[in-house]
N, C-alpha and C. Protein backbone atom coordinates (compact mmCIF):
# COMPACT_ATOMS: atom_id res chain seq x y z
N UNK A 1 -1.94 9.55 25.48
CA UNK A 1 -2.55 10.76 24.97
C UNK A 1 -1.51 11.57 24.21
N UNK A 2 -1.83 11.98 23.00
CA UNK A 2 -0.84 12.71 22.22
C UNK A 2 -0.74 14.16 22.70
N UNK A 3 0.43 14.68 22.53
CA UNK A 3 0.70 16.06 22.94
C UNK A 3 0.53 16.96 21.72
N UNK A 4 0.02 18.16 21.93
CA UNK A 4 -0.18 19.13 20.85
C UNK A 4 0.68 20.34 21.16
N UNK A 5 1.49 20.74 20.17
CA UNK A 5 2.35 21.92 20.33
C UNK A 5 2.26 22.78 19.07
N UNK A 6 2.62 24.03 19.22
CA UNK A 6 2.68 24.92 18.06
C UNK A 6 3.97 24.65 17.29
N UNK A 7 4.01 25.10 16.06
CA UNK A 7 5.22 24.92 15.25
C UNK A 7 6.40 25.65 15.89
N UNK A 8 6.15 26.80 16.46
CA UNK A 8 7.22 27.55 17.11
C UNK A 8 7.77 26.78 18.31
N UNK A 9 6.87 26.25 19.13
CA UNK A 9 7.30 25.47 20.29
C UNK A 9 8.05 24.22 19.84
N UNK A 10 7.60 23.59 18.77
CA UNK A 10 8.27 22.39 18.26
C UNK A 10 9.69 22.74 17.81
N UNK A 11 9.86 23.89 17.18
CA UNK A 11 11.19 24.32 16.72
C UNK A 11 12.11 24.53 17.91
N UNK A 12 11.59 25.19 18.94
CA UNK A 12 12.39 25.52 20.11
C UNK A 12 12.74 24.27 20.93
N UNK A 13 11.78 23.33 21.05
CA UNK A 13 11.94 22.17 21.93
C UNK A 13 12.06 20.86 21.16
N UNK A 14 12.60 20.92 19.95
CA UNK A 14 12.62 19.76 19.07
C UNK A 14 13.30 18.55 19.72
N UNK A 15 14.46 18.75 20.32
CA UNK A 15 15.19 17.64 20.96
C UNK A 15 14.36 16.96 22.04
N UNK A 16 13.71 17.76 22.88
CA UNK A 16 12.87 17.22 23.95
C UNK A 16 11.69 16.45 23.37
N UNK A 17 11.10 16.98 22.31
CA UNK A 17 9.96 16.31 21.69
C UNK A 17 10.37 14.97 21.09
N UNK A 18 11.53 14.94 20.46
CA UNK A 18 12.03 13.67 19.89
C UNK A 18 12.21 12.65 21.01
N UNK A 19 12.82 13.07 22.11
CA UNK A 19 13.03 12.15 23.23
C UNK A 19 11.70 11.61 23.74
N UNK A 20 10.74 12.49 23.89
CA UNK A 20 9.43 12.09 24.40
C UNK A 20 8.75 11.09 23.46
N UNK A 21 8.83 11.37 22.16
CA UNK A 21 8.21 10.48 21.16
C UNK A 21 8.82 9.09 21.24
N UNK A 22 10.14 9.02 21.35
CA UNK A 22 10.82 7.72 21.35
C UNK A 22 10.69 7.02 22.70
N UNK A 23 11.02 7.71 23.76
CA UNK A 23 11.05 7.07 25.08
C UNK A 23 9.67 6.79 25.66
N UNK A 24 8.76 7.72 25.48
CA UNK A 24 7.43 7.56 26.06
C UNK A 24 6.40 7.06 25.05
N UNK A 25 6.86 6.85 23.83
CA UNK A 25 5.99 6.37 22.76
C UNK A 25 4.73 7.24 22.65
N UNK A 26 4.97 8.53 22.73
CA UNK A 26 3.87 9.49 22.68
C UNK A 26 4.00 10.36 21.43
N UNK A 27 3.09 10.21 20.46
CA UNK A 27 3.16 11.07 19.28
C UNK A 27 2.91 12.52 19.65
N UNK A 28 3.46 13.42 18.86
CA UNK A 28 3.28 14.85 19.09
C UNK A 28 2.66 15.46 17.85
N UNK A 29 1.53 16.12 18.02
CA UNK A 29 0.85 16.81 16.94
C UNK A 29 1.35 18.26 16.91
N UNK A 30 1.86 18.68 15.77
CA UNK A 30 2.36 20.05 15.63
C UNK A 30 1.33 20.84 14.83
N UNK A 31 0.92 21.96 15.43
CA UNK A 31 -0.06 22.82 14.77
C UNK A 31 0.64 24.02 14.16
N UNK A 32 0.08 24.50 13.07
CA UNK A 32 0.58 25.71 12.43
C UNK A 32 -0.64 26.59 12.18
N UNK A 33 -0.62 27.75 12.74
CA UNK A 33 -1.78 28.62 12.60
C UNK A 33 -3.01 28.07 13.29
N UNK A 34 -2.80 27.28 14.35
CA UNK A 34 -3.91 26.70 15.10
C UNK A 34 -4.54 25.48 14.45
N UNK A 35 -3.97 25.01 13.33
CA UNK A 35 -4.51 23.84 12.63
C UNK A 35 -3.48 22.71 12.64
N UNK A 36 -3.92 21.46 12.76
CA UNK A 36 -2.98 20.33 12.72
C UNK A 36 -2.17 20.38 11.43
N UNK A 37 -0.85 20.20 11.55
CA UNK A 37 0.03 20.33 10.39
C UNK A 37 0.84 19.05 10.14
N UNK A 38 1.55 18.59 11.18
CA UNK A 38 2.34 17.35 11.07
C UNK A 38 2.28 16.61 12.41
N UNK A 39 2.71 15.35 12.37
CA UNK A 39 2.78 14.55 13.58
C UNK A 39 4.19 13.99 13.68
N UNK A 40 4.77 14.10 14.86
CA UNK A 40 6.06 13.45 15.13
C UNK A 40 5.75 12.10 15.76
N UNK A 41 6.32 11.04 15.20
CA UNK A 41 6.16 9.72 15.80
C UNK A 41 7.41 8.92 15.60
N UNK A 42 7.57 7.88 16.40
CA UNK A 42 8.78 7.07 16.36
C UNK A 42 8.83 6.27 15.06
N UNK A 43 10.04 5.86 14.70
CA UNK A 43 10.22 5.03 13.51
C UNK A 43 9.46 3.73 13.68
N UNK A 44 9.46 3.19 14.88
CA UNK A 44 8.73 1.94 15.15
C UNK A 44 7.25 2.09 14.83
N UNK A 45 6.66 3.20 15.29
CA UNK A 45 5.24 3.45 15.03
C UNK A 45 5.00 3.70 13.54
N UNK A 46 5.91 4.42 12.91
CA UNK A 46 5.80 4.69 11.48
C UNK A 46 5.81 3.38 10.69
N UNK A 47 6.74 2.49 11.01
CA UNK A 47 6.83 1.20 10.32
C UNK A 47 5.56 0.38 10.53
N UNK A 48 5.00 0.42 11.73
CA UNK A 48 3.76 -0.31 12.02
C UNK A 48 2.63 0.23 11.14
N UNK A 49 2.53 1.54 11.03
CA UNK A 49 1.48 2.14 10.21
C UNK A 49 1.68 1.81 8.73
N UNK A 50 2.93 1.82 8.27
CA UNK A 50 3.22 1.47 6.87
C UNK A 50 2.81 0.02 6.59
N UNK A 51 3.06 -0.87 7.54
CA UNK A 51 2.70 -2.28 7.36
C UNK A 51 1.19 -2.42 7.25
N UNK A 52 0.46 -1.69 8.08
CA UNK A 52 -1.00 -1.74 8.00
C UNK A 52 -1.47 -1.21 6.66
N UNK A 53 -0.85 -0.14 6.20
CA UNK A 53 -1.22 0.45 4.91
C UNK A 53 -0.97 -0.54 3.78
N UNK A 54 0.13 -1.28 3.85
CA UNK A 54 0.43 -2.27 2.83
C UNK A 54 -0.62 -3.37 2.82
N UNK A 55 -1.07 -3.79 4.00
CA UNK A 55 -2.09 -4.83 4.07
C UNK A 55 -3.39 -4.33 3.45
N UNK A 56 -3.74 -3.09 3.71
CA UNK A 56 -4.95 -2.54 3.12
C UNK A 56 -4.83 -2.53 1.61
N UNK A 57 -3.68 -2.14 1.11
CA UNK A 57 -3.46 -2.11 -0.33
C UNK A 57 -3.58 -3.52 -0.89
N UNK A 58 -3.02 -4.51 -0.19
CA UNK A 58 -3.12 -5.89 -0.63
C UNK A 58 -4.57 -6.33 -0.68
N UNK A 59 -5.34 -5.95 0.33
CA UNK A 59 -6.75 -6.33 0.36
C UNK A 59 -7.51 -5.67 -0.78
N UNK A 60 -7.18 -4.43 -1.08
CA UNK A 60 -7.84 -3.74 -2.20
C UNK A 60 -7.53 -4.44 -3.52
N UNK A 61 -6.30 -4.91 -3.68
CA UNK A 61 -5.92 -5.61 -4.91
C UNK A 61 -6.72 -6.91 -5.03
N UNK A 62 -6.85 -7.64 -3.94
CA UNK A 62 -7.63 -8.88 -3.97
C UNK A 62 -9.07 -8.59 -4.37
N UNK A 63 -9.64 -7.53 -3.80
CA UNK A 63 -11.01 -7.16 -4.16
C UNK A 63 -11.12 -6.82 -5.64
N UNK A 64 -10.14 -6.12 -6.19
CA UNK A 64 -10.15 -5.78 -7.62
C UNK A 64 -10.08 -7.04 -8.47
N UNK A 65 -9.24 -7.99 -8.08
CA UNK A 65 -9.11 -9.25 -8.82
C UNK A 65 -10.43 -10.01 -8.80
N UNK A 66 -11.07 -10.05 -7.64
CA UNK A 66 -12.35 -10.75 -7.54
C UNK A 66 -13.42 -10.08 -8.41
N UNK A 67 -13.44 -8.75 -8.43
CA UNK A 67 -14.40 -8.04 -9.29
C UNK A 67 -14.12 -8.32 -10.77
N UNK A 68 -12.84 -8.33 -11.13
CA UNK A 68 -12.47 -8.64 -12.52
C UNK A 68 -12.91 -10.05 -12.88
N UNK A 69 -12.72 -10.99 -11.97
CA UNK A 69 -13.16 -12.37 -12.22
C UNK A 69 -14.65 -12.44 -12.45
N UNK A 70 -15.42 -11.69 -11.68
CA UNK A 70 -16.87 -11.66 -11.87
C UNK A 70 -17.24 -11.10 -13.23
N UNK A 71 -16.55 -10.04 -13.64
CA UNK A 71 -16.83 -9.45 -14.96
C UNK A 71 -16.51 -10.43 -16.09
N UNK A 72 -15.40 -11.14 -15.95
CA UNK A 72 -15.02 -12.12 -16.98
C UNK A 72 -16.07 -13.22 -17.06
N UNK A 73 -16.49 -13.75 -15.90
CA UNK A 73 -17.49 -14.81 -15.89
C UNK A 73 -18.81 -14.34 -16.51
N UNK A 74 -19.21 -13.10 -16.22
CA UNK A 74 -20.48 -12.61 -16.79
C UNK A 74 -20.36 -12.42 -18.30
N UNK A 75 -19.22 -12.00 -18.78
CA UNK A 75 -19.03 -11.85 -20.24
C UNK A 75 -19.01 -13.20 -20.95
N UNK A 76 -18.51 -14.22 -20.27
CA UNK A 76 -18.44 -15.54 -20.89
C UNK A 76 -19.79 -16.26 -20.81
N UNK A 77 -20.75 -15.69 -20.11
CA UNK A 77 -22.12 -16.21 -20.03
C UNK A 77 -22.16 -17.69 -19.65
N UNK A 78 -21.43 -18.02 -18.62
CA UNK A 78 -21.49 -19.38 -18.10
C UNK A 78 -20.52 -20.36 -18.73
N UNK A 79 -19.90 -19.99 -19.86
CA UNK A 79 -18.91 -20.90 -20.46
C UNK A 79 -17.68 -20.95 -19.56
N UNK A 80 -17.10 -22.15 -19.38
CA UNK A 80 -15.92 -22.25 -18.51
C UNK A 80 -14.71 -21.56 -19.13
N UNK A 81 -13.82 -21.14 -18.27
CA UNK A 81 -12.57 -20.53 -18.73
C UNK A 81 -11.68 -21.58 -19.36
N UNK A 82 -10.85 -21.15 -20.29
CA UNK A 82 -9.88 -22.05 -20.90
C UNK A 82 -8.87 -22.46 -19.82
N UNK A 83 -8.57 -23.75 -19.73
CA UNK A 83 -7.61 -24.20 -18.71
C UNK A 83 -6.25 -23.51 -18.91
N UNK A 84 -5.59 -23.14 -17.83
CA UNK A 84 -4.30 -22.45 -17.93
C UNK A 84 -3.27 -23.23 -18.75
N UNK A 85 -3.29 -24.57 -18.62
CA UNK A 85 -2.32 -25.38 -19.36
C UNK A 85 -2.49 -25.19 -20.87
N UNK A 86 -3.73 -25.10 -21.32
CA UNK A 86 -3.99 -24.92 -22.75
C UNK A 86 -3.53 -23.54 -23.20
N UNK A 87 -3.79 -22.52 -22.39
CA UNK A 87 -3.35 -21.16 -22.73
C UNK A 87 -1.83 -21.11 -22.83
N UNK A 88 -1.15 -21.70 -21.86
CA UNK A 88 0.32 -21.72 -21.87
C UNK A 88 0.84 -22.45 -23.10
N UNK A 89 0.23 -23.59 -23.42
CA UNK A 89 0.64 -24.38 -24.59
C UNK A 89 0.49 -23.55 -25.87
N UNK A 90 -0.65 -22.86 -26.01
CA UNK A 90 -0.88 -22.06 -27.21
C UNK A 90 0.10 -20.89 -27.30
N UNK A 91 0.39 -20.26 -26.17
CA UNK A 91 1.36 -19.16 -26.17
C UNK A 91 2.76 -19.65 -26.54
N UNK A 92 3.13 -20.82 -26.06
CA UNK A 92 4.45 -21.37 -26.40
C UNK A 92 4.54 -21.71 -27.88
N UNK A 93 3.45 -22.27 -28.42
CA UNK A 93 3.45 -22.57 -29.86
C UNK A 93 3.58 -21.30 -30.68
N UNK A 94 2.86 -20.26 -30.26
CA UNK A 94 2.93 -18.98 -30.98
C UNK A 94 4.34 -18.40 -30.90
N UNK A 95 4.94 -18.45 -29.72
CA UNK A 95 6.30 -17.95 -29.54
C UNK A 95 7.29 -18.73 -30.40
N UNK A 96 7.16 -20.06 -30.40
CA UNK A 96 8.06 -20.90 -31.19
C UNK A 96 7.93 -20.59 -32.67
N UNK A 97 6.71 -20.35 -33.13
CA UNK A 97 6.50 -20.00 -34.54
C UNK A 97 7.18 -18.67 -34.86
N UNK A 98 7.07 -17.71 -33.97
CA UNK A 98 7.71 -16.42 -34.18
C UNK A 98 9.22 -16.54 -34.19
N UNK A 99 9.76 -17.35 -33.28
CA UNK A 99 11.20 -17.55 -33.24
C UNK A 99 11.71 -18.29 -34.45
N UNK A 100 10.93 -19.23 -34.96
CA UNK A 100 11.32 -19.97 -36.16
C UNK A 100 11.40 -19.03 -37.36
N UNK A 101 10.54 -18.05 -37.40
CA UNK A 101 10.54 -17.09 -38.50
C UNK A 101 11.72 -16.16 -38.48
N UNK A 102 12.41 -16.06 -37.37
CA UNK A 102 13.56 -15.16 -37.26
C UNK A 102 14.84 -15.79 -37.80
N UNK A 103 14.86 -17.07 -37.96
CA UNK A 103 16.09 -17.76 -38.38
C UNK A 103 16.26 -17.75 -39.84
């Protein structure tokens, strides 16, 4: 169960609160003006939350890629995509032509 303290109490008892957060793995909610303001938590817990946030971001990116793929397929109206090997070959030819023009 998380502990709730006022900002004034947190200032006065900061060392004790840090010890409690780390040793007892108990987050502390600090209120300011009677409203939640910040949370003290251990670095271990912070890193765990950051890792979860990164996974969510990764999942959102995958969803965006899948939506983009659907849009591309609908615009192509059933025509297959150009094979990646062909695209790479064409890009290399274009690059080589540009480089030849520089000499």
